[in-house]
Amino acid sequence: MNKFNENGLKHGPWKGYYSNGNLYYTENYVNGELHGKHESYWMNGSPMIKSNYNNGKRFGYFENFFDDGKLNLKKYYL
């Protein structure tokens, strides 16, 4: 996890954490480009963003949430 390829680009699954140890985000990279599912969370653990990427561009559903977990915005990207 959190690795770089031979060209120094992010590659594979990545996770980030808040200073309190709670999960901040999970995402996947292919040769430095976001690719696949991306999720980020508020410090309290509630979802912040759920989205998908295809070669660095948003693709499919994008959802943004308030810190209480209620849906704020939902879009679909082609």
PDB file of N, CA and C in Angstrom:
ATOM      1  N   MET A   1       0.829  -1.172   0.000  1.00  0.00           N
ATOM      2  CA  MET A   1       0.000   0.000   0.000  1.00  0.00           C
ATOM      3  C   MET A   1       0.881   1.246   0.000  1.00  0.00           C
ATOM      4  N   ASN A   2       0.372   2.336  -0.587  1.00  0.00           N
ATOM      5  CA  ASN A   2       1.088   3.603  -0.690  1.00  0.00           C
ATOM      6  C   ASN A   2       2.474   3.410  -1.316  1.00  0.00           C
ATOM      7  N   LYS A   3       2.477   2.869  -2.523  1.00  0.00           N
ATOM      8  CA  LYS A   3       3.733   2.600  -3.222  1.00  0.00           C
ATOM      9  C   LYS A   3       3.833   3.433  -4.492  1.00  0.00           C
ATOM     10  N   PHE A   4       5.067   3.547  -4.972  1.00  0.00           N
ATOM     11  CA  PHE A   4       5.356   4.242  -6.217  1.00  0.00           C
ATOM     12  C   PHE A   4       5.905   3.235  -7.222  1.00  0.00           C
ATOM     13  N   ASN A   5       5.679   3.512  -8.506  1.00  0.00           N
ATOM     14  CA  ASN A   5       6.246   2.636  -9.530  1.00  0.00           C
ATOM     15  C   ASN A   5       7.692   3.048  -9.820  1.00  0.00           C
ATOM     16  N   GLU A   6       8.318   2.402 -10.791  1.00  0.00           N
ATOM     17  CA  GLU A   6       9.726   2.663 -11.101  1.00  0.00           C
ATOM     18  C   GLU A   6       9.963   4.078 -11.621  1.00  0.00           C
ATOM     19  N   ASN A   7       8.889   4.774 -12.051  1.00  0.00           N
ATOM     20  CA  ASN A   7       9.002   6.154 -12.525  1.00  0.00           C
ATOM     21  C   ASN A   7       8.680   7.170 -11.427  1.00  0.00           C
ATOM     22  N   GLY A   8       8.474   6.694 -10.201  1.00  0.00           N
ATOM     23  CA  GLY A   8       8.188   7.586  -9.082  1.00  0.00           C
ATOM     24  C   GLY A   8       6.751   8.053  -9.003  1.00  0.00           C
ATOM     25  N   LEU A   9       5.848   7.386  -9.739  1.00  0.00           N
ATOM     26  CA  LEU A   9       4.438   7.746  -9.740  1.00  0.00           C
ATOM     27  C   LEU A   9       3.654   6.842  -8.801  1.00  0.00           C
ATOM     28  N   LYS A  10       2.620   7.408  -8.167  1.00  0.00           N
ATOM     29  CA  LYS A  10       1.770   6.590  -7.296  1.00  0.00           C
ATOM     30  C   LYS A  10       1.192   5.437  -8.110  1.00  0.00           C
ATOM     31  N   HIS A  11       1.178   4.254  -7.496  1.00  0.00           N
ATOM     32  CA  HIS A  11       0.676   3.079  -8.207  1.00  0.00           C
ATOM     33  C   HIS A  11       0.130   2.073  -7.198  1.00  0.00           C
ATOM     34  N   GLY A  12      -1.115   1.664  -7.407  1.00  0.00           N
ATOM     35  CA  GLY A  12      -1.754   0.705  -6.522  1.00  0.00           C
ATOM     36  C   GLY A  12      -2.621   1.389  -5.482  1.00  0.00           C
ATOM     37  N   PRO A  13      -3.071   0.628  -4.483  1.00  0.00           N
ATOM     38  CA  PRO A  13      -3.960   1.184  -3.453  1.00  0.00           C
ATOM     39  C   PRO A  13      -3.212   2.123  -2.499  1.00  0.00           C
ATOM     40  N   TRP A  14      -3.883   3.204  -2.131  1.00  0.00           N
ATOM     41  CA  TRP A  14      -3.350   4.181  -1.179  1.00  0.00           C
ATOM     42  C   TRP A  14      -4.382   4.441  -0.100  1.00  0.00           C
ATOM     43  N   LYS A  15      -3.902   4.681   1.106  1.00  0.00           N
ATOM     44  CA  LYS A  15      -4.753   5.075   2.220  1.00  0.00           C
ATOM     45  C   LYS A  15      -4.072   6.213   2.963  1.00  0.00           C
ATOM     46  N   GLY A  16      -4.895   7.129   3.474  1.00  0.00           N
ATOM     47  CA  GLY A  16      -4.397   8.225   4.302  1.00  0.00           C
ATOM     48  C   GLY A  16      -5.185   8.262   5.597  1.00  0.00           C
ATOM     49  N   TYR A  17      -4.559   8.774   6.648  1.00  0.00           N
ATOM     50  CA  TYR A  17      -5.168   8.771   7.977  1.00  0.00           C
ATOM     51  C   TYR A  17      -5.060  10.146   8.615  1.00  0.00           C
ATOM     52  N   TYR A  18      -6.051  10.467   9.428  1.00  0.00           N
ATOM     53  CA  TYR A  18      -5.992  11.665  10.263  1.00  0.00           C
ATOM     54  C   TYR A  18      -4.983  11.436  11.385  1.00  0.00           C
ATOM     55  N   SER A  19      -4.587  12.518  12.045  1.00  0.00           N
ATOM     56  CA  SER A  19      -3.631  12.409  13.154  1.00  0.00           C
ATOM     57  C   SER A  19      -4.187  11.588  14.316  1.00  0.00           C
ATOM     58  N   ASN A  20      -5.523  11.464  14.410  1.00  0.00           N
ATOM     59  CA  ASN A  20      -6.116  10.654  15.477  1.00  0.00           C
ATOM     60  C   ASN A  20      -6.189   9.167  15.106  1.00  0.00           C
ATOM     61  N   GLY A  21      -5.707   8.816  13.914  1.00  0.00           N
ATOM     62  CA  GLY A  21      -5.675   7.424  13.478  1.00  0.00           C
ATOM     63  C   GLY A  21      -6.871   6.998  12.648  1.00  0.00           C
ATOM     64  N   ASN A  22      -7.910   7.844  12.560  1.00  0.00           N
ATOM     65  CA  ASN A  22      -9.084   7.509  11.743  1.00  0.00           C
ATOM     66  C   ASN A  22      -8.739   7.589  10.257  1.00  0.00           C
ATOM     67  N   LEU A  23      -9.367   6.734   9.490  1.00  0.00           N
ATOM     68  CA  LEU A  23      -9.159   6.702   8.046  1.00  0.00           C
ATOM     69  C   LEU A  23      -9.637   8.001   7.408  1.00  0.00           C
ATOM     70  N   TYR A  24      -8.807   8.611   6.568  1.00  0.00           N
ATOM     71  CA  TYR A  24      -9.154   9.832   5.846  1.00  0.00           C
ATOM     72  C   TYR A  24      -9.593   9.500   4.416  1.00  0.00           C
ATOM     73  N   TYR A  25      -8.838   8.649   3.709  1.00  0.00           N
ATOM     74  CA  TYR A  25      -9.217   8.302   2.336  1.00  0.00           C
ATOM     75  C   TYR A  25      -8.663   6.943   1.938  1.00  0.00           C
ATOM     76  N   THR A  26      -9.317   6.362   0.951  1.00  0.00           N
ATOM     77  CA  THR A  26      -8.814   5.184   0.238  1.00  0.00           C
ATOM     78  C   THR A  26      -8.969   5.483  -1.238  1.00  0.00           C
ATOM     79  N   GLU A  27      -7.967   5.141  -2.020  1.00  0.00           N
ATOM     80  CA  GLU A  27      -8.018   5.382  -3.460  1.00  0.00           C
ATOM     81  C   GLU A  27      -7.018   4.467  -4.149  1.00  0.00           C
ATOM     82  N   ASN A  28      -7.111   4.406  -5.451  1.00  0.00           N
ATOM     83  CA  ASN A  28      -6.228   3.546  -6.225  1.00  0.00           C
ATOM     84  C   ASN A  28      -5.627   4.352  -7.370  1.00  0.00           C
ATOM     85  N   TYR A  29      -4.357   4.085  -7.649  1.00  0.00           N
ATOM     86  CA  TYR A  29      -3.651   4.776  -8.732  1.00  0.00           C
ATOM     87  C   TYR A  29      -3.100   3.768  -9.728  1.00  0.00           C
ATOM     88  N   VAL A  30      -3.044   4.201 -10.981  1.00  0.00           N
ATOM     89  CA  VAL A  30      -2.350   3.471 -12.031  1.00  0.00           C
ATOM     90  C   VAL A  30      -1.433   4.480 -12.715  1.00  0.00           C
ATOM     91  N   ASN A  31      -0.140   4.285 -12.530  1.00  0.00           N
ATOM     92  CA  ASN A  31       0.869   5.173 -13.111  1.00  0.00           C
ATOM     93  C   ASN A  31       0.598   6.646 -12.822  1.00  0.00           C
ATOM     94  N   GLY A  32       0.283   6.959 -11.568  1.00  0.00           N
ATOM     95  CA  GLY A  32       0.099   8.335 -11.130  1.00  0.00           C
ATOM     96  C   GLY A  32      -1.287   8.920 -11.337  1.00  0.00           C
ATOM     97  N   GLU A  33      -2.176   8.178 -11.976  1.00  0.00           N
ATOM     98  CA  GLU A  33      -3.542   8.649 -12.227  1.00  0.00           C
ATOM     99  C   GLU A  33      -4.520   7.914 -11.326  1.00  0.00           C
ATOM    100  N   LEU A  34      -5.454   8.663 -10.717  1.00  0.00           N
ATOM    101  CA  LEU A  34      -6.515   8.004  -9.963  1.00  0.00           C
ATOM    102  C   LEU A  34      -7.276   7.083 -10.894  1.00  0.00           C
ATOM    103  N   HIS A  35      -7.531   5.875 -10.434  1.00  0.00           N
ATOM    104  CA  HIS A  35      -8.233   4.905 -11.272  1.00  0.00           C
ATOM    105  C   HIS A  35      -8.960   3.921 -10.356  1.00  0.00           C
ATOM    106  N   GLY A  36     -10.285   3.926 -10.440  1.00  0.00           N
ATOM    107  CA  GLY A  36     -11.089   3.054  -9.602  1.00  0.00           C
ATOM    108  C   GLY A  36     -11.794   3.842  -8.512  1.00  0.00           C
ATOM    109  N   LYS A  37     -12.146   3.144  -7.455  1.00  0.00           N
ATOM    110  CA  LYS A  37     -12.941   3.727  -6.376  1.00  0.00           C
ATOM    111  C   LYS A  37     -12.114   4.657  -5.492  1.00  0.00           C
ATOM    112  N   HIS A  38     -12.719   5.792  -5.157  1.00  0.00           N
ATOM    113  CA  HIS A  38     -12.137   6.740  -4.211  1.00  0.00           C
ATOM    114  C   HIS A  38     -13.185   7.007  -3.143  1.00  0.00           C
ATOM    115  N   GLU A  39     -12.774   6.943  -1.884  1.00  0.00           N
ATOM    116  CA  GLU A  39     -13.655   7.290  -0.770  1.00  0.00           C
ATOM    117  C   GLU A  39     -12.859   8.110   0.230  1.00  0.00           C
ATOM    118  N   SER A  40     -13.490   9.172   0.730  1.00  0.00           N
ATOM    119  CA  SER A  40     -12.881   9.936   1.813  1.00  0.00           C
ATOM    120  C   SER A  40     -13.907  10.105   2.920  1.00  0.00           C
ATOM    121  N   TYR A  41     -13.378  10.354   4.128  1.00  0.00           N
ATOM    122  CA  TYR A  41     -14.213  10.354   5.319  1.00  0.00           C
ATOM    123  C   TYR A  41     -13.916  11.579   6.172  1.00  0.00           C
ATOM    124  N   TRP A  42     -14.941  12.037   6.876  1.00  0.00           N
ATOM    125  CA  TRP A  42     -14.768  13.088   7.867  1.00  0.00           C
ATOM    126  C   TRP A  42     -13.988  12.506   9.048  1.00  0.00           C
ATOM    127  N   MET A  43     -13.433  13.355   9.864  1.00  0.00           N
ATOM    128  CA  MET A  43     -12.652  12.902  11.010  1.00  0.00           C
ATOM    129  C   MET A  43     -13.479  12.025  11.955  1.00  0.00           C
ATOM    130  N   ASN A  44     -14.805  12.237  11.970  1.00  0.00           N
ATOM    131  CA  ASN A  44     -15.665  11.434  12.844  1.00  0.00           C
ATOM    132  C   ASN A  44     -16.003  10.063  12.253  1.00  0.00           C
ATOM    133  N   GLY A  45     -15.496   9.777  11.035  1.00  0.00           N
ATOM    134  CA  GLY A  45     -15.712   8.479  10.400  1.00  0.00           C
ATOM    135  C   GLY A  45     -16.858   8.446   9.407  1.00  0.00           C
ATOM    136  N   SER A  46     -17.679   9.503   9.360  1.00  0.00           N
ATOM    137  CA  SER A  46     -18.773   9.571   8.391  1.00  0.00           C
ATOM    138  C   SER A  46     -18.206   9.752   6.990  1.00  0.00           C
ATOM    139  N   PRO A  47     -18.886   9.222   5.948  1.00  0.00           N
ATOM    140  CA  PRO A  47     -18.392   9.414   4.590  1.00  0.00           C
ATOM    141  C   PRO A  47     -18.413  10.885   4.189  1.00  0.00           C
ATOM    142  N   MET A  48     -17.400  11.316   3.451  1.00  0.00           N
ATOM    143  CA  MET A  48     -17.322  12.672   2.922  1.00  0.00           C
ATOM    144  C   MET A  48     -17.583  12.653   1.418  1.00  0.00           C
ATOM    145  N   ILE A  49     -16.849  11.786   0.714  1.00  0.00           N
ATOM    146  CA  ILE A  49     -16.969  11.673  -0.741  1.00  0.00           C
ATOM    147  C   ILE A  49     -16.871  10.209  -1.134  1.00  0.00           C
ATOM    148  N   LYS A  50     -17.713   9.815  -2.074  1.00  0.00           N
ATOM    149  CA  LYS A  50     -17.615   8.506  -2.722  1.00  0.00           C
ATOM    150  C   LYS A  50     -17.643   8.764  -4.217  1.00  0.00           C
ATOM    151  N   SER A  51     -16.629   8.299  -4.924  1.00  0.00           N
ATOM    152  CA  SER A  51     -16.554   8.533  -6.356  1.00  0.00           C
ATOM    153  C   SER A  51     -15.710   7.461  -7.033  1.00  0.00           C
ATOM    154  N   ASN A  52     -15.732   7.487  -8.339  1.00  0.00           N
ATOM    155  CA  ASN A  52     -14.929   6.578  -9.152  1.00  0.00           C
ATOM    156  C   ASN A  52     -14.143   7.390 -10.169  1.00  0.00           C
ATOM    157  N   TYR A  53     -12.987   6.866 -10.531  1.00  0.00           N
ATOM    158  CA  TYR A  53     -12.128   7.520 -11.508  1.00  0.00           C
ATOM    159  C   TYR A  53     -11.738   6.526 -12.598  1.00  0.00           C
ATOM    160  N   ASN A  54     -11.555   7.060 -13.788  1.00  0.00           N
ATOM    161  CA  ASN A  54     -11.065   6.289 -14.924  1.00  0.00           C
ATOM    162  C   ASN A  54      -9.935   7.094 -15.552  1.00  0.00           C
ATOM    163  N   ASN A  55      -8.702   6.637 -15.375  1.00  0.00           N
ATOM    164  CA  ASN A  55      -7.519   7.315 -15.901  1.00  0.00           C
ATOM    165  C   ASN A  55      -7.451   8.779 -15.481  1.00  0.00           C
ATOM    166  N   GLY A  56      -7.695   9.050 -14.192  1.00  0.00           N
ATOM    167  CA  GLY A  56      -7.554  10.392 -13.651  1.00  0.00           C
ATOM    168  C   GLY A  56      -8.779  11.279 -13.757  1.00  0.00           C
ATOM    169  N   LYS A  57      -9.836  10.803 -14.400  1.00  0.00           N
ATOM    170  CA  LYS A  57     -11.048  11.609 -14.564  1.00  0.00           C
ATOM    171  C   LYS A  57     -12.205  10.950 -13.834  1.00  0.00           C
ATOM    172  N   ARG A  58     -13.051  11.795 -13.229  1.00  0.00           N
ATOM    173  CA  ARG A  58     -14.231  11.244 -12.558  1.00  0.00           C
ATOM    174  C   ARG A  58     -15.090  10.507 -13.567  1.00  0.00           C
ATOM    175  N   PHE A  59     -15.603   9.364 -13.111  1.00  0.00           N
ATOM    176  CA  PHE A  59     -16.423   8.532 -13.979  1.00  0.00           C
ATOM    177  C   PHE A  59     -17.492   7.873 -13.126  1.00  0.00           C
ATOM    178  N   GLY A  60     -18.729   7.952 -13.570  1.00  0.00           N
ATOM    179  CA  GLY A  60     -19.831   7.338 -12.831  1.00  0.00           C
ATOM    180  C   GLY A  60     -20.313   8.242 -11.715  1.00  0.00           C
ATOM    181  N   TYR A  61     -20.813   7.635 -10.662  1.00  0.00           N
ATOM    182  CA  TYR A  61     -21.418   8.400  -9.577  1.00  0.00           C
ATOM    183  C   TYR A  61     -20.381   9.096  -8.702  1.00  0.00           C
ATOM    184  N   PHE A  62     -20.725  10.325  -8.329  1.00  0.00           N
ATOM    185  CA  PHE A  62     -19.973  11.125  -7.375  1.00  0.00           C
ATOM    186  C   PHE A  62     -20.963  11.540  -6.308  1.00  0.00           C
ATOM    187  N   GLU A  63     -20.644  11.246  -5.047  1.00  0.00           N
ATOM    188  CA  GLU A  63     -21.513  11.611  -3.943  1.00  0.00           C
ATOM    189  C   GLU A  63     -20.706  12.372  -2.899  1.00  0.00           C
ATOM    190  N   ASN A  64     -21.281  13.459  -2.418  1.00  0.00           N
ATOM    191  CA  ASN A  64     -20.668  14.284  -1.382  1.00  0.00           C
ATOM    192  C   ASN A  64     -21.622  14.319  -0.195  1.00  0.00           C
ATOM    193  N   PHE A  65     -21.087  14.156   1.021  1.00  0.00           N
ATOM    194  CA  PHE A  65     -21.907  14.041   2.222  1.00  0.00           C
ATOM    195  C   PHE A  65     -21.565  15.127   3.233  1.00  0.00           C
ATOM    196  N   PHE A  66     -22.562  15.530   4.013  1.00  0.00           N
ATOM    197  CA  PHE A  66     -22.334  16.392   5.167  1.00  0.00           C
ATOM    198  C   PHE A  66     -21.641  15.563   6.247  1.00  0.00           C
ATOM    199  N   ASP A  67     -21.056  16.221   7.247  1.00  0.00           N
ATOM    200  CA  ASP A  67     -20.322  15.483   8.278  1.00  0.00           C
ATOM    201  C   ASP A  67     -21.217  14.633   9.170  1.00  0.00           C
ATOM    202  N   ASP A  68     -22.535  14.802   9.061  1.00  0.00           N
ATOM    203  CA  ASP A  68     -23.444  13.930   9.820  1.00  0.00           C
ATOM    204  C   ASP A  68     -23.868  12.702   9.017  1.00  0.00           C
ATOM    205  N   GLY A  69     -23.300  12.551   7.797  1.00  0.00           N
ATOM    206  CA  GLY A  69     -23.570  11.391   6.971  1.00  0.00           C
ATOM    207  C   GLY A  69     -24.704  11.564   5.978  1.00  0.00           C
ATOM    208  N   LYS A  70     -25.409  12.703   6.020  1.00  0.00           N
ATOM    209  CA  LYS A  70     -26.516  12.943   5.080  1.00  0.00           C
ATOM    210  C   LYS A  70     -25.963  13.365   3.728  1.00  0.00           C
ATOM    211  N   LEU A  71     -26.609  12.870   2.674  1.00  0.00           N
ATOM    212  CA  LEU A  71     -26.186  13.175   1.302  1.00  0.00           C
ATOM    213  C   LEU A  71     -26.364  14.656   1.007  1.00  0.00           C
ATOM    214  N   ASN A  72     -25.329  15.284   0.493  1.00  0.00           N
ATOM    215  CA  ASN A  72     -25.351  16.692   0.112  1.00  0.00           C
ATOM    216  C   ASN A  72     -25.534  16.844  -1.386  1.00  0.00           C
ATOM    217  N   LEU A  73     -24.828  16.049  -2.175  1.00  0.00           N
ATOM    218  CA  LEU A  73     -24.801  16.205  -3.623  1.00  0.00           C
ATOM    219  C   LEU A  73     -24.554  14.864  -4.277  1.00  0.00           C
ATOM    220  N   LYS A  74     -25.243  14.621  -5.391  1.00  0.00           N
ATOM    221  CA  LYS A  74     -25.010  13.398  -6.151  1.00  0.00           C
ATOM    222  C   LYS A  74     -24.983  13.769  -7.628  1.00  0.00           C
ATOM    223  N   LYS A  75     -23.921  13.382  -8.314  1.00  0.00           N
ATOM    224  CA  LYS A  75     -23.752  13.655  -9.740  1.00  0.00           C
ATOM    225  C   LYS A  75     -23.342  12.381 -10.450  1.00  0.00           C
ATOM    226  N   TYR A  76     -23.493  12.397 -11.755  1.00  0.00           N
ATOM    227  CA  TYR A  76     -23.034  11.276 -12.571  1.00  0.00           C
ATOM    228  C   TYR A  76     -22.132  11.836 -13.669  1.00  0.00           C
ATOM    229  N   TYR A  77     -20.935  11.295 -13.768  1.00  0.00           N
ATOM    230  CA  TYR A  77     -19.959  11.726 -14.773  1.00  0.00           C
ATOM    231  C   TYR A  77     -19.817  10.667 -15.836  1.00  0.00           C
ATOM    232  N   LEU A  78     -19.758  11.113 -17.089  1.00  0.00           N
ATOM    233  CA  LEU A  78     -19.555  10.190 -18.215  1.00  0.00           C
ATOM    234  C   LEU A  78     -18.103  10.164 -18.620  1.00  0.00           C
TER     235      LEU A  78
END
